[in-house]
Amino acid sequence: MYSTESYVWGWIAYSAGVLCLLSLFWLLIRKLTSRWVKHVLIIVFLALFFTPVTAYPDNPYLAPAFFVSLYEGVMLADKEAGFQRGLAPILAFSFISVVLYSLIAPIVGRRNKARLR
């Protein structure tokens, strides 16, 4: 199997690739007029690609939940579990991140407006 160092280097390469995709995603959404919508889309994008889940149920190493879910949903014969093992953490991280953003953004916005005055 792989060592811990292999997984760390895999995550580093994966993170670099996702950040490149994020820059392309930003180019697609930069024309949106609402700053709030842009921020929420970026949060959901990052939650989709950076949410970790165990690579295998009996393995302690973490892998991107998006790809674990995709692999289990498409390749495995057990269609009952399918996409659920990776999808539940992605939805939870997305929901929690958007809620925290909606709570913190107004506070930060008020502080920035007060500083500009």
C-alpha atoms as a PDB file:
ATOM      1  CA  MET A   1       0.000   0.000   0.000  1.00  0.00           C
ATOM      2  CA  TYR A   2       1.033   3.631   0.129  1.00  0.00           C
ATOM      3  CA  SER A   3       2.940   5.361   2.919  1.00  0.00           C
ATOM      4  CA  THR A   4       1.851   8.469   4.778  1.00  0.00           C
ATOM      5  CA  GLU A   5       4.347  10.514   2.791  1.00  0.00           C
ATOM      6  CA  SER A   6       2.775   9.331  -0.476  1.00  0.00           C
ATOM      7  CA  TYR A   7      -0.628  10.536   0.693  1.00  0.00           C
ATOM      8  CA  VAL A   8       0.791  13.906   1.771  1.00  0.00           C
ATOM      9  CA  TRP A   9       2.404  14.418  -1.632  1.00  0.00           C
ATOM     10  CA  GLY A  10      -0.803  13.277  -3.296  1.00  0.00           C
ATOM     11  CA  TRP A  11      -2.780  15.881  -1.343  1.00  0.00           C
ATOM     12  CA  ILE A  12      -0.226  18.558  -2.250  1.00  0.00           C
ATOM     13  CA  ALA A  13      -0.512  17.765  -5.958  1.00  0.00           C
ATOM     14  CA  TYR A  14      -4.304  17.515  -5.707  1.00  0.00           C
ATOM     15  CA  SER A  15      -4.504  20.863  -3.872  1.00  0.00           C
ATOM     16  CA  ALA A  16      -2.376  22.543  -6.546  1.00  0.00           C
ATOM     17  CA  GLY A  17      -4.698  21.176  -9.230  1.00  0.00           C
ATOM     18  CA  VAL A  18      -7.831  22.315  -7.399  1.00  0.00           C
ATOM     19  CA  LEU A  19      -6.367  25.790  -6.934  1.00  0.00           C
ATOM     20  CA  CYS A  20      -5.738  25.938 -10.691  1.00  0.00           C
ATOM     21  CA  LEU A  21      -9.365  24.904 -11.255  1.00  0.00           C
ATOM     22  CA  LEU A  22     -10.419  27.567  -8.758  1.00  0.00           C
ATOM     23  CA  SER A  23      -8.677  30.242 -10.804  1.00  0.00           C
ATOM     24  CA  LEU A  24     -10.541  29.067 -13.909  1.00  0.00           C
ATOM     25  CA  PHE A  25     -13.797  28.971 -11.937  1.00  0.00           C
ATOM     26  CA  TRP A  26     -13.138  32.535 -10.786  1.00  0.00           C
ATOM     27  CA  LEU A  27     -12.744  33.618 -14.403  1.00  0.00           C
ATOM     28  CA  LEU A  28     -16.186  32.152 -15.123  1.00  0.00           C
ATOM     29  CA  ILE A  29     -17.974  33.851 -12.232  1.00  0.00           C
ATOM     30  CA  ARG A  30     -16.107  37.166 -12.032  1.00  0.00           C
ATOM     31  CA  LYS A  31     -18.751  38.992 -14.105  1.00  0.00           C
ATOM     32  CA  LEU A  32     -21.489  38.270 -11.557  1.00  0.00           C
ATOM     33  CA  THR A  33     -22.626  41.489  -9.969  1.00  0.00           C
ATOM     34  CA  SER A  34     -23.497  40.140  -6.541  1.00  0.00           C
ATOM     35  CA  ARG A  35     -20.463  39.744  -4.313  1.00  0.00           C
ATOM     36  CA  TRP A  36     -22.434  37.471  -1.991  1.00  0.00           C
ATOM     37  CA  VAL A  37     -23.305  35.021  -4.789  1.00  0.00           C
ATOM     38  CA  LYS A  38     -19.659  34.888  -5.916  1.00  0.00           C
ATOM     39  CA  HIS A  39     -18.478  34.142  -2.409  1.00  0.00           C
ATOM     40  CA  VAL A  40     -21.068  31.413  -1.843  1.00  0.00           C
ATOM     41  CA  LEU A  41     -20.199  29.766  -5.172  1.00  0.00           C
ATOM     42  CA  ILE A  42     -16.510  29.742  -4.249  1.00  0.00           C
ATOM     43  CA  ILE A  43     -17.281  28.316  -0.802  1.00  0.00           C
ATOM     44  CA  VAL A  44     -19.369  25.515  -2.316  1.00  0.00           C
ATOM     45  CA  PHE A  45     -16.660  24.842  -4.938  1.00  0.00           C
ATOM     46  CA  LEU A  46     -13.989  24.541  -2.256  1.00  0.00           C
ATOM     47  CA  ALA A  47     -16.206  22.384  -0.040  1.00  0.00           C
ATOM     48  CA  LEU A  48     -16.937  20.104  -2.993  1.00  0.00           C
ATOM     49  CA  PHE A  49     -13.296  19.480  -3.820  1.00  0.00           C
ATOM     50  CA  PHE A  50     -11.558  19.764  -0.422  1.00  0.00           C
ATOM     51  CA  THR A  51     -13.888  17.777   1.852  1.00  0.00           C
ATOM     52  CA  PRO A  52     -11.948  14.753   3.097  1.00  0.00           C
ATOM     53  CA  VAL A  53     -13.288  11.291   3.819  1.00  0.00           C
ATOM     54  CA  THR A  54     -11.499   8.013   4.485  1.00  0.00           C
ATOM     55  CA  ALA A  55     -10.321   6.463   1.246  1.00  0.00           C
ATOM     56  CA  TYR A  56     -11.552   3.025   2.275  1.00  0.00           C
ATOM     57  CA  PRO A  57     -13.788   2.232   5.263  1.00  0.00           C
ATOM     58  CA  ASP A  58     -10.984   0.299   7.014  1.00  0.00           C
ATOM     59  CA  ASN A  59      -8.146   2.672   6.013  1.00  0.00           C
ATOM     60  CA  PRO A  60      -7.147   5.729   8.116  1.00  0.00           C
ATOM     61  CA  TYR A  61      -5.926   7.766   5.128  1.00  0.00           C
ATOM     62  CA  LEU A  62      -8.100  10.591   3.845  1.00  0.00           C
ATOM     63  CA  ALA A  63      -9.041  11.215   0.230  1.00  0.00           C
ATOM     64  CA  PRO A  64     -11.214  13.834  -1.485  1.00  0.00           C
ATOM     65  CA  ALA A  65     -14.846  12.959  -0.821  1.00  0.00           C
ATOM     66  CA  PHE A  66     -15.815  13.964  -4.359  1.00  0.00           C
ATOM     67  CA  PHE A  67     -13.666  11.275  -5.937  1.00  0.00           C
ATOM     68  CA  VAL A  68     -14.427   8.648  -3.300  1.00  0.00           C
ATOM     69  CA  SER A  69     -18.125   9.228  -3.896  1.00  0.00           C
ATOM     70  CA  LEU A  70     -17.680   9.134  -7.655  1.00  0.00           C
ATOM     71  CA  TYR A  71     -15.670   5.912  -7.500  1.00  0.00           C
ATOM     72  CA  GLU A  72     -18.062   4.154  -5.156  1.00  0.00           C
ATOM     73  CA  GLY A  73     -21.128   5.301  -7.050  1.00  0.00           C
ATOM     74  CA  VAL A  74     -19.901   4.298 -10.490  1.00  0.00           C
ATOM     75  CA  MET A  75     -17.524   1.400  -9.972  1.00  0.00           C
ATOM     76  CA  LEU A  76     -18.755  -0.620  -7.015  1.00  0.00           C
ATOM     77  CA  ALA A  77     -21.453  -3.251  -7.266  1.00  0.00           C
ATOM     78  CA  ASP A  78     -23.097  -2.168  -3.991  1.00  0.00           C
ATOM     79  CA  LYS A  79     -25.372   0.529  -5.398  1.00  0.00           C
ATOM     80  CA  GLU A  80     -27.143   1.089  -2.066  1.00  0.00           C
ATOM     81  CA  ALA A  81     -24.159   2.911  -0.528  1.00  0.00           C
ATOM     82  CA  GLY A  82     -23.197   4.471  -3.845  1.00  0.00           C
ATOM     83  CA  PHE A  83     -22.560   8.168  -3.666  1.00  0.00           C
ATOM     84  CA  GLN A  84     -23.714   8.543  -0.053  1.00  0.00           C
ATOM     85  CA  ARG A  85     -20.431   8.055   1.810  1.00  0.00           C
ATOM     86  CA  GLY A  86     -18.829  11.034   0.105  1.00  0.00           C
ATOM     87  CA  LEU A  87     -21.936  13.117  -0.529  1.00  0.00           C
ATOM     88  CA  ALA A  88     -23.032  13.473   3.105  1.00  0.00           C
ATOM     89  CA  PRO A  89     -19.785  15.134   4.270  1.00  0.00           C
ATOM     90  CA  ILE A  90     -19.754  17.402   1.204  1.00  0.00           C
ATOM     91  CA  LEU A  91     -23.289  18.595   1.903  1.00  0.00           C
ATOM     92  CA  ALA A  92     -22.527  19.060   5.602  1.00  0.00           C
ATOM     93  CA  PHE A  93     -19.328  21.046   4.949  1.00  0.00           C
ATOM     94  CA  SER A  94     -21.082  23.158   2.315  1.00  0.00           C
ATOM     95  CA  PHE A  95     -24.027  23.932   4.563  1.00  0.00           C
ATOM     96  CA  ILE A  96     -21.888  24.763   7.602  1.00  0.00           C
ATOM     97  CA  SER A  97     -19.523  26.920   5.525  1.00  0.00           C
ATOM     98  CA  VAL A  98     -22.340  28.920   3.916  1.00  0.00           C
ATOM     99  CA  VAL A  99     -24.060  29.436   7.279  1.00  0.00           C
ATOM    100  CA  LEU A 100     -20.811  30.612   8.880  1.00  0.00           C
ATOM    101  CA  TYR A 101     -20.175  32.919   5.930  1.00  0.00           C
ATOM    102  CA  SER A 102     -23.663  34.406   6.198  1.00  0.00           C
ATOM    103  CA  LEU A 103     -23.069  35.049   9.915  1.00  0.00           C
ATOM    104  CA  ILE A 104     -19.550  36.485   9.598  1.00  0.00           C
ATOM    105  CA  ALA A 105     -19.846  38.511   6.358  1.00  0.00           C
ATOM    106  CA  PRO A 106     -22.170  41.229   7.739  1.00  0.00           C
ATOM    107  CA  ILE A 107     -19.898  41.740  10.762  1.00  0.00           C
ATOM    108  CA  VAL A 108     -16.792  42.052   8.618  1.00  0.00           C
ATOM    109  CA  GLY A 109     -18.651  44.318   6.183  1.00  0.00           C
ATOM    110  CA  ARG A 110     -19.698  46.686   8.972  1.00  0.00           C
ATOM    111  CA  ARG A 111     -16.186  46.778  10.354  1.00  0.00           C
ATOM    112  CA  ASN A 112     -14.728  47.624   6.943  1.00  0.00           C
ATOM    113  CA  LYS A 113     -17.306  50.387   6.392  1.00  0.00           C
ATOM    114  CA  ALA A 114     -16.524  51.874   9.792  1.00  0.00           C
ATOM    115  CA  ARG A 115     -12.809  51.798   9.062  1.00  0.00           C
ATOM    116  CA  LEU A 116     -13.289  53.624   5.752  1.00  0.00           C
ATOM    117  CA  ARG A 117     -15.128  56.508   7.407  1.00  0.00           C
END
